[in-house]
Amino acid sequence: MASQTRVTPAGPYRLRVTVNTPYASYVRSGTAPHVIRPVRGKALTFIWHGRRVFFSRVRHPGTLARPWLALAFDRFGRMVADELRRLP
């Protein structure tokens, strides 16, 4: 037997989502071009084209905003509102 969910209006609702990652606002809003410098050492190091490289700083081109969580909750809210309007 399949389960059924019934939505009934019981008043105004609010949904609050908290994201606890330190970089969440950068993902949501994007970043402007900026310089990255080492914090704990004298150089940044990573593998680039198969070789380990060292830089005293790098110029980051910035990132596009990716507000996927807000977009998902906007869509969810519209879906709930549509279901509530269908109630007798």
PDB file of N, CA and C in Angstrom:
ATOM      1  N   MET A   1       0.848  -1.177   0.000  1.00  0.00           N
ATOM      2  CA  MET A   1       0.000   0.000   0.000  1.00  0.00           C
ATOM      3  C   MET A   1       0.892   1.238   0.000  1.00  0.00           C
ATOM      4  N   ALA A   2       0.653   2.152  -0.886  1.00  0.00           N
ATOM      5  CA  ALA A   2       1.455   3.370  -0.984  1.00  0.00           C
ATOM      6  C   ALA A   2       1.035   4.353   0.110  1.00  0.00           C
ATOM      7  N   SER A   3       2.032   5.036   0.662  1.00  0.00           N
ATOM      8  CA  SER A   3       1.712   6.035   1.684  1.00  0.00           C
ATOM      9  C   SER A   3       1.296   7.328   0.998  1.00  0.00           C
ATOM     10  N   GLN A   4       0.459   8.099   1.672  1.00  0.00           N
ATOM     11  CA  GLN A   4       0.010   9.379   1.146  1.00  0.00           C
ATOM     12  C   GLN A   4       0.313  10.470   2.159  1.00  0.00           C
ATOM     13  N   THR A   5       0.622  11.637   1.662  1.00  0.00           N
ATOM     14  CA  THR A   5       0.845  12.801   2.521  1.00  0.00           C
ATOM     15  C   THR A   5      -0.223  13.820   2.218  1.00  0.00           C
ATOM     16  N   ARG A   6      -0.840  14.333   3.248  1.00  0.00           N
ATOM     17  CA  ARG A   6      -1.865  15.361   3.055  1.00  0.00           C
ATOM     18  C   ARG A   6      -1.359  16.659   3.672  1.00  0.00           C
ATOM     19  N   VAL A   7      -1.399  17.717   2.895  1.00  0.00           N
ATOM     20  CA  VAL A   7      -0.984  19.030   3.366  1.00  0.00           C
ATOM     21  C   VAL A   7      -2.229  19.800   3.760  1.00  0.00           C
ATOM     22  N   THR A   8      -2.246  20.331   4.970  1.00  0.00           N
ATOM     23  CA  THR A   8      -3.390  21.131   5.412  1.00  0.00           C
ATOM     24  C   THR A   8      -2.907  22.497   5.861  1.00  0.00           C
ATOM     25  N   PRO A   9      -3.656  23.553   5.548  1.00  0.00           N
ATOM     26  CA  PRO A   9      -3.231  24.888   5.964  1.00  0.00           C
ATOM     27  C   PRO A   9      -3.461  25.066   7.462  1.00  0.00           C
ATOM     28  N   ALA A  10      -2.470  25.539   8.169  1.00  0.00           N
ATOM     29  CA  ALA A  10      -2.590  25.768   9.607  1.00  0.00           C
ATOM     30  C   ALA A  10      -2.021  27.123   9.986  1.00  0.00           C
ATOM     31  N   GLY A  11      -1.815  27.976   9.026  1.00  0.00           N
ATOM     32  CA  GLY A  11      -1.294  29.305   9.327  1.00  0.00           C
ATOM     33  C   GLY A  11      -0.034  29.587   8.546  1.00  0.00           C
ATOM     34  N   PRO A  12       0.555  30.774   8.778  1.00  0.00           N
ATOM     35  CA  PRO A  12       1.780  31.134   8.049  1.00  0.00           C
ATOM     36  C   PRO A  12       2.965  30.301   8.538  1.00  0.00           C
ATOM     37  N   TYR A  13       3.834  29.974   7.629  1.00  0.00           N
ATOM     38  CA  TYR A  13       5.016  29.173   7.936  1.00  0.00           C
ATOM     39  C   TYR A  13       6.271  29.940   7.565  1.00  0.00           C
ATOM     40  N   ARG A  14       7.326  29.646   8.252  1.00  0.00           N
ATOM     41  CA  ARG A  14       8.644  30.177   7.911  1.00  0.00           C
ATOM     42  C   ARG A  14       9.635  29.023   7.961  1.00  0.00           C
ATOM     43  N   LEU A  15      10.553  29.044   7.031  1.00  0.00           N
ATOM     44  CA  LEU A  15      11.604  28.035   6.983  1.00  0.00           C
ATOM     45  C   LEU A  15      12.927  28.772   6.984  1.00  0.00           C
ATOM     46  N   ARG A  16      13.783  28.428   7.917  1.00  0.00           N
ATOM     47  CA  ARG A  16      15.096  29.066   7.990  1.00  0.00           C
ATOM     48  C   ARG A  16      16.163  27.993   7.827  1.00  0.00           C
ATOM     49  N   VAL A  17      17.067  28.227   6.898  1.00  0.00           N
ATOM     50  CA  VAL A  17      18.164  27.304   6.649  1.00  0.00           C
ATOM     51  C   VAL A  17      19.458  28.022   6.966  1.00  0.00           C
ATOM     52  N   THR A  18      20.305  27.402   7.766  1.00  0.00           N
ATOM     53  CA  THR A  18      21.592  27.976   8.121  1.00  0.00           C
ATOM     54  C   THR A  18      22.689  27.095   7.548  1.00  0.00           C
ATOM     55  N   VAL A  19      23.631  27.716   6.858  1.00  0.00           N
ATOM     56  CA  VAL A  19      24.767  26.992   6.304  1.00  0.00           C
ATOM     57  C   VAL A  19      25.991  27.398   7.114  1.00  0.00           C
ATOM     58  N   ASN A  20      26.663  26.426   7.716  1.00  0.00           N
ATOM     59  CA  ASN A  20      27.754  26.714   8.643  1.00  0.00           C
ATOM     60  C   ASN A  20      29.146  26.632   8.031  1.00  0.00           C
ATOM     61  N   THR A  21      29.262  26.633   6.730  1.00  0.00           N
ATOM     62  CA  THR A  21      30.592  26.578   6.120  1.00  0.00           C
ATOM     63  C   THR A  21      31.120  27.999   5.929  1.00  0.00           C
ATOM     64  N   PRO A  22      32.412  28.213   6.172  1.00  0.00           N
ATOM     65  CA  PRO A  22      32.946  29.569   6.082  1.00  0.00           C
ATOM     66  C   PRO A  22      32.935  30.141   4.668  1.00  0.00           C
ATOM     67  N   TYR A  23      32.830  29.303   3.653  1.00  0.00           N
ATOM     68  CA  TYR A  23      32.876  29.781   2.277  1.00  0.00           C
ATOM     69  C   TYR A  23      31.493  29.884   1.629  1.00  0.00           C
ATOM     70  N   ALA A  24      30.428  29.640   2.373  1.00  0.00           N
ATOM     71  CA  ALA A  24      29.081  29.621   1.795  1.00  0.00           C
ATOM     72  C   ALA A  24      28.706  30.947   1.141  1.00  0.00           C
ATOM     73  N   SER A  25      29.040  32.058   1.763  1.00  0.00           N
ATOM     74  CA  SER A  25      28.669  33.350   1.182  1.00  0.00           C
ATOM     75  C   SER A  25      29.420  33.604  -0.120  1.00  0.00           C
ATOM     76  N   TYR A  26      30.649  33.079  -0.249  1.00  0.00           N
ATOM     77  CA  TYR A  26      31.405  33.241  -1.492  1.00  0.00           C
ATOM     78  C   TYR A  26      30.782  32.438  -2.627  1.00  0.00           C
ATOM     79  N   VAL A  27      30.255  31.250  -2.305  1.00  0.00           N
ATOM     80  CA  VAL A  27      29.587  30.436  -3.321  1.00  0.00           C
ATOM     81  C   VAL A  27      28.290  31.122  -3.744  1.00  0.00           C
ATOM     82  N   ARG A  28      27.513  31.589  -2.765  1.00  0.00           N
ATOM     83  CA  ARG A  28      26.220  32.214  -3.052  1.00  0.00           C
ATOM     84  C   ARG A  28      26.379  33.518  -3.833  1.00  0.00           C
ATOM     85  N   SER A  29      27.312  34.376  -3.423  1.00  0.00           N
ATOM     86  CA  SER A  29      27.420  35.719  -3.998  1.00  0.00           C
ATOM     87  C   SER A  29      28.516  35.867  -5.044  1.00  0.00           C
ATOM     88  N   GLY A  30      29.425  34.905  -5.134  1.00  0.00           N
ATOM     89  CA  GLY A  30      30.553  35.023  -6.053  1.00  0.00           C
ATOM     90  C   GLY A  30      31.660  35.889  -5.446  1.00  0.00           C
ATOM     91  N   THR A  31      32.762  36.019  -6.157  1.00  0.00           N
ATOM     92  CA  THR A  31      33.878  36.836  -5.690  1.00  0.00           C
ATOM     93  C   THR A  31      34.433  37.655  -6.838  1.00  0.00           C
ATOM     94  N   ALA A  32      34.999  38.788  -6.506  1.00  0.00           N
ATOM     95  CA  ALA A  32      35.700  39.621  -7.480  1.00  0.00           C
ATOM     96  C   ALA A  32      37.117  39.056  -7.643  1.00  0.00           C
ATOM     97  N   PRO A  33      37.819  39.447  -8.697  1.00  0.00           N
ATOM     98  CA  PRO A  33      39.223  39.031  -8.810  1.00  0.00           C
ATOM     99  C   PRO A  33      40.001  39.491  -7.574  1.00  0.00           C
ATOM    100  N   HIS A  34      40.920  38.645  -7.105  1.00  0.00           N
ATOM    101  CA  HIS A  34      41.678  38.971  -5.893  1.00  0.00           C
ATOM    102  C   HIS A  34      43.012  38.234  -5.880  1.00  0.00           C
ATOM    103  N   VAL A  35      43.910  38.709  -5.040  1.00  0.00           N
ATOM    104  CA  VAL A  35      45.225  38.092  -4.882  1.00  0.00           C
ATOM    105  C   VAL A  35      45.174  37.148  -3.688  1.00  0.00           C
ATOM    106  N   ILE A  36      45.749  35.952  -3.836  1.00  0.00           N
ATOM    107  CA  ILE A  36      45.848  34.983  -2.737  1.00  0.00           C
ATOM    108  C   ILE A  36      47.306  34.914  -2.324  1.00  0.00           C
ATOM    109  N   ARG A  37      47.543  35.075  -1.018  1.00  0.00           N
ATOM    110  CA  ARG A  37      48.896  35.002  -0.459  1.00  0.00           C
ATOM    111  C   ARG A  37      48.940  33.889   0.584  1.00  0.00           C
ATOM    112  N   PRO A  38      50.109  33.319   0.852  1.00  0.00           N
ATOM    113  CA  PRO A  38      50.198  32.276   1.876  1.00  0.00           C
ATOM    114  C   PRO A  38      49.894  32.841   3.256  1.00  0.00           C
ATOM    115  N   VAL A  39      49.293  32.025   4.102  1.00  0.00           N
ATOM    116  CA  VAL A  39      48.939  32.454   5.458  1.00  0.00           C
ATOM    117  C   VAL A  39      49.942  31.906   6.464  1.00  0.00           C
ATOM    118  N   ARG A  40      50.278  30.634   6.371  1.00  0.00           N
ATOM    119  CA  ARG A  40      51.137  29.996   7.370  1.00  0.00           C
ATOM    120  C   ARG A  40      52.579  29.810   6.918  1.00  0.00           C
ATOM    121  N   GLY A  41      52.840  29.905   5.643  1.00  0.00           N
ATOM    122  CA  GLY A  41      54.190  29.671   5.136  1.00  0.00           C
ATOM    123  C   GLY A  41      54.650  30.819   4.266  1.00  0.00           C
ATOM    124  N   LYS A  42      55.741  30.575   3.549  1.00  0.00           N
ATOM    125  CA  LYS A  42      56.300  31.612   2.691  1.00  0.00           C
ATOM    126  C   LYS A  42      55.832  31.499   1.244  1.00  0.00           C
ATOM    127  N   ALA A  43      55.230  30.355   0.899  1.00  0.00           N
ATOM    128  CA  ALA A  43      54.822  30.158  -0.493  1.00  0.00           C
ATOM    129  C   ALA A  43      53.568  29.302  -0.560  1.00  0.00           C
ATOM    130  N   LEU A  44      52.848  29.466  -1.654  1.00  0.00           N
ATOM    131  CA  LEU A  44      51.743  28.570  -1.996  1.00  0.00           C
ATOM    132  C   LEU A  44      52.323  27.479  -2.871  1.00  0.00           C
ATOM    133  N   THR A  45      51.906  26.247  -2.671  1.00  0.00           N
ATOM    134  CA  THR A  45      52.417  25.150  -3.481  1.00  0.00           C
ATOM    135  C   THR A  45      51.275  24.244  -3.904  1.00  0.00           C
ATOM    136  N   PHE A  46      51.327  23.817  -5.147  1.00  0.00           N
ATOM    137  CA  PHE A  46      50.340  22.880  -5.667  1.00  0.00           C
ATOM    138  C   PHE A  46      50.878  22.244  -6.939  1.00  0.00           C
ATOM    139  N   ILE A  47      50.188  21.225  -7.407  1.00  0.00           N
ATOM    140  CA  ILE A  47      50.581  20.530  -8.625  1.00  0.00           C
ATOM    141  C   ILE A  47      49.927  21.242  -9.807  1.00  0.00           C
ATOM    142  N   TRP A  48      50.744  21.631 -10.797  1.00  0.00           N
ATOM    143  CA  TRP A  48      50.256  22.344 -11.970  1.00  0.00           C
ATOM    144  C   TRP A  48      50.913  21.735 -13.199  1.00  0.00           C
ATOM    145  N   HIS A  49      50.116  21.195 -14.089  1.00  0.00           N
ATOM    146  CA  HIS A  49      50.605  20.508 -15.286  1.00  0.00           C
ATOM    147  C   HIS A  49      51.573  19.375 -14.928  1.00  0.00           C
ATOM    148  N   GLY A  50      51.252  18.649 -13.852  1.00  0.00           N
ATOM    149  CA  GLY A  50      52.035  17.488 -13.457  1.00  0.00           C
ATOM    150  C   GLY A  50      53.292  17.792 -12.654  1.00  0.00           C
ATOM    151  N   ARG A  51      53.559  19.044 -12.356  1.00  0.00           N
ATOM    152  CA  ARG A  51      54.766  19.406 -11.593  1.00  0.00           C
ATOM    153  C   ARG A  51      54.381  20.194 -10.355  1.00  0.00           C
ATOM    154  N   ARG A  52      55.161  20.030  -9.306  1.00  0.00           N
ATOM    155  CA  ARG A  52      54.941  20.822  -8.099  1.00  0.00           C
ATOM    156  C   ARG A  52      55.530  22.208  -8.329  1.00  0.00           C
ATOM    157  N   VAL A  53      54.699  23.245  -8.088  1.00  0.00           N
ATOM    158  CA  VAL A  53      55.134  24.619  -8.296  1.00  0.00           C
ATOM    159  C   VAL A  53      54.966  25.419  -7.003  1.00  0.00           C
ATOM    160  N   PHE A  54      55.714  26.504  -6.887  1.00  0.00           N
ATOM    161  CA  PHE A  54      55.674  27.367  -5.715  1.00  0.00           C
ATOM    162  C   PHE A  54      55.451  28.804  -6.178  1.00  0.00           C
ATOM    163  N   PHE A  55      54.566  29.507  -5.488  1.00  0.00           N
ATOM    164  CA  PHE A  55      54.303  30.902  -5.804  1.00  0.00           C
ATOM    165  C   PHE A  55      54.228  31.707  -4.511  1.00  0.00           C
ATOM    166  N   SER A  56      54.717  32.928  -4.550  1.00  0.00           N
ATOM    167  CA  SER A  56      54.583  33.798  -3.383  1.00  0.00           C
ATOM    168  C   SER A  56      53.186  34.404  -3.327  1.00  0.00           C
ATOM    169  N   ARG A  57      52.501  34.450  -4.467  1.00  0.00           N
ATOM    170  CA  ARG A  57      51.109  34.895  -4.530  1.00  0.00           C
ATOM    171  C   ARG A  57      50.545  34.471  -5.885  1.00  0.00           C
ATOM    172  N   VAL A  58      49.225  34.397  -5.957  1.00  0.00           N
ATOM    173  CA  VAL A  58      48.554  34.117  -7.228  1.00  0.00           C
ATOM    174  C   VAL A  58      47.390  35.087  -7.382  1.00  0.00           C
ATOM    175  N   ARG A  59      47.069  35.402  -8.628  1.00  0.00           N
ATOM    176  CA  ARG A  59      45.925  36.268  -8.930  1.00  0.00           C
ATOM    177  C   ARG A  59      44.742  35.386  -9.308  1.00  0.00           C
ATOM    178  N   HIS A  60      43.747  35.363  -8.446  1.00  0.00           N
ATOM    179  CA  HIS A  60      42.549  34.571  -8.689  1.00  0.00           C
ATOM    180  C   HIS A  60      41.593  35.395  -9.551  1.00  0.00           C
ATOM    181  N   PRO A  61      41.015  34.797 -10.597  1.00  0.00           N
ATOM    182  CA  PRO A  61      40.151  35.572 -11.495  1.00  0.00           C
ATOM    183  C   PRO A  61      38.768  35.884 -10.934  1.00  0.00           C
ATOM    184  N   GLY A  62      38.431  35.355  -9.761  1.00  0.00           N
ATOM    185  CA  GLY A  62      37.092  35.532  -9.203  1.00  0.00           C
ATOM    186  C   GLY A  62      36.196  34.373  -9.597  1.00  0.00           C
ATOM    187  N   THR A  63      35.021  34.315  -9.002  1.00  0.00           N
ATOM    188  CA  THR A  63      34.083  33.229  -9.291  1.00  0.00           C
ATOM    189  C   THR A  63      32.689  33.797  -9.528  1.00  0.00           C
ATOM    190  N   LEU A  64      31.905  33.097 -10.321  1.00  0.00           N
ATOM    191  CA  LEU A  64      30.519  33.478 -10.551  1.00  0.00           C
ATOM    192  C   LEU A  64      29.675  33.103  -9.346  1.00  0.00           C
ATOM    193  N   ALA A  65      28.630  33.868  -9.098  1.00  0.00           N
ATOM    194  CA  ALA A  65      27.693  33.544  -8.021  1.00  0.00           C
ATOM    195  C   ALA A  65      26.940  32.266  -8.380  1.00  0.00           C
ATOM    196  N   ARG A  66      26.745  31.402  -7.386  1.00  0.00           N
ATOM    197  CA  ARG A  66      25.997  30.165  -7.582  1.00  0.00           C
ATOM    198  C   ARG A  66      24.978  30.027  -6.442  1.00  0.00           C
ATOM    199  N   PRO A  67      23.865  30.783  -6.528  1.00  0.00           N
ATOM    200  CA  PRO A  67      22.878  30.779  -5.437  1.00  0.00           C
ATOM    201  C   PRO A  67      21.915  29.597  -5.511  1.00  0.00           C
ATOM    202  N   TRP A  68      22.441  28.394  -5.666  1.00  0.00           N
ATOM    203  CA  TRP A  68      21.607  27.222  -5.896  1.00  0.00           C
ATOM    204  C   TRP A  68      20.677  26.928  -4.719  1.00  0.00           C
ATOM    205  N   LEU A  69      21.126  27.175  -3.488  1.00  0.00           N
ATOM    206  CA  LEU A  69      20.273  26.857  -2.341  1.00  0.00           C
ATOM    207  C   LEU A  69      19.070  27.795  -2.301  1.00  0.00           C
ATOM    208  N   ALA A  70      19.290  29.086  -2.520  1.00  0.00           N
ATOM    209  CA  ALA A  70      18.172  30.037  -2.537  1.00  0.00           C
ATOM    210  C   ALA A  70      17.206  29.708  -3.669  1.00  0.00           C
ATOM    211  N   LEU A  71      17.732  29.373  -4.841  1.00  0.00           N
ATOM    212  CA  LEU A  71      16.866  29.015  -5.963  1.00  0.00           C
ATOM    213  C   LEU A  71      16.039  27.768  -5.660  1.00  0.00           C
ATOM    214  N   ALA A  72      16.668  26.793  -5.010  1.00  0.00           N
ATOM    215  CA  ALA A  72      15.952  25.555  -4.663  1.00  0.00           C
ATOM    216  C   ALA A  72      14.822  25.841  -3.674  1.00  0.00           C
ATOM    217  N   PHE A  73      15.076  26.687  -2.680  1.00  0.00           N
ATOM    218  CA  PHE A  73      14.033  26.976  -1.698  1.00  0.00           C
ATOM    219  C   PHE A  73      12.945  27.868  -2.279  1.00  0.00           C
ATOM    220  N   ASP A  74      13.279  28.741  -3.219  1.00  0.00           N
ATOM    221  CA  ASP A  74      12.239  29.510  -3.902  1.00  0.00           C
ATOM    222  C   ASP A  74      11.296  28.570  -4.640  1.00  0.00           C
ATOM    223  N   ARG A  75      11.868  27.601  -5.334  1.00  0.00           N
ATOM    224  CA  ARG A  75      11.046  26.637  -6.070  1.00  0.00           C
ATOM    225  C   ARG A  75      10.219  25.792  -5.105  1.00  0.00           C
ATOM    226  N   PHE A  76      10.833  25.361  -4.001  1.00  0.00           N
ATOM    227  CA  PHE A  76      10.122  24.565  -3.006  1.00  0.00           C
ATOM    228  C   PHE A  76       8.937  25.355  -2.445  1.00  0.00           C
ATOM    229  N   GLY A  77       9.171  26.631  -2.140  1.00  0.00           N
ATOM    230  CA  GLY A  77       8.096  27.466  -1.601  1.00  0.00           C
ATOM    231  C   GLY A  77       6.939  27.602  -2.574  1.00  0.00           C
ATOM    232  N   ARG A  78       7.240  27.753  -3.859  1.00  0.00           N
ATOM    233  CA  ARG A  78       6.168  27.830  -4.869  1.00  0.00           C
ATOM    234  C   ARG A  78       5.406  26.517  -4.955  1.00  0.00           C
ATOM    235  N   MET A  79       6.115  25.399  -4.830  1.00  0.00           N
ATOM    236  CA  MET A  79       5.450  24.092  -4.889  1.00  0.00           C
ATOM    237  C   MET A  79       4.504  23.923  -3.709  1.00  0.00           C
ATOM    238  N   VAL A  80       4.941  24.319  -2.512  1.00  0.00           N
ATOM    239  CA  VAL A  80       4.081  24.207  -1.322  1.00  0.00           C
ATOM    240  C   VAL A  80       2.881  25.122  -1.468  1.00  0.00           C
ATOM    241  N   ALA A  81       3.091  26.358  -1.926  1.00  0.00           N
ATOM    242  CA  ALA A  81       1.978  27.292  -2.108  1.00  0.00           C
ATOM    243  C   ALA A  81       0.963  26.737  -3.100  1.00  0.00           C
ATOM    244  N   ASP A  82       1.434  26.135  -4.185  1.00  0.00           N
ATOM    245  CA  ASP A  82       0.518  25.525  -5.167  1.00  0.00           C
ATOM    246  C   ASP A  82      -0.312  24.416  -4.535  1.00  0.00           C
ATOM    247  N   GLU A  83       0.331  23.589  -3.728  1.00  0.00           N
ATOM    248  CA  GLU A  83      -0.400  22.494  -3.063  1.00  0.00           C
ATOM    249  C   GLU A  83      -1.439  23.037  -2.096  1.00  0.00           C
ATOM    250  N   LEU A  84      -1.086  24.079  -1.369  1.00  0.00           N
ATOM    251  CA  LEU A  84      -2.046  24.656  -0.418  1.00  0.00           C
ATOM    252  C   LEU A  84      -3.250  25.283  -1.139  1.00  0.00           C
ATOM    253  N   ARG A  85      -3.029  25.861  -2.298  1.00  0.00           N
ATOM    254  CA  ARG A  85      -4.137  26.443  -3.058  1.00  0.00           C
ATOM    255  C   ARG A  85      -5.102  25.367  -3.577  1.00  0.00           C
ATOM    256  N   ARG A  86      -4.625  24.159  -3.742  1.00  0.00           N
ATOM    257  CA  ARG A  86      -5.463  23.071  -4.256  1.00  0.00           C
ATOM    258  C   ARG A  86      -6.361  22.454  -3.172  1.00  0.00           C
ATOM    259  N   LEU A  87      -6.101  22.795  -1.914  1.00  0.00           N
ATOM    260  CA  LEU A  87      -6.892  22.197  -0.834  1.00  0.00           C
ATOM    261  C   LEU A  87      -8.334  22.691  -0.889  1.00  0.00           C
ATOM    262  N   PRO A  88      -9.247  21.826  -0.470  1.00  0.00           N
ATOM    263  CA  PRO A  88     -10.676  22.220  -0.480  1.00  0.00           C
ATOM    264  C   PRO A  88     -10.968  23.291   0.558  1.00  0.00           C
TER     265      PRO A  88
END
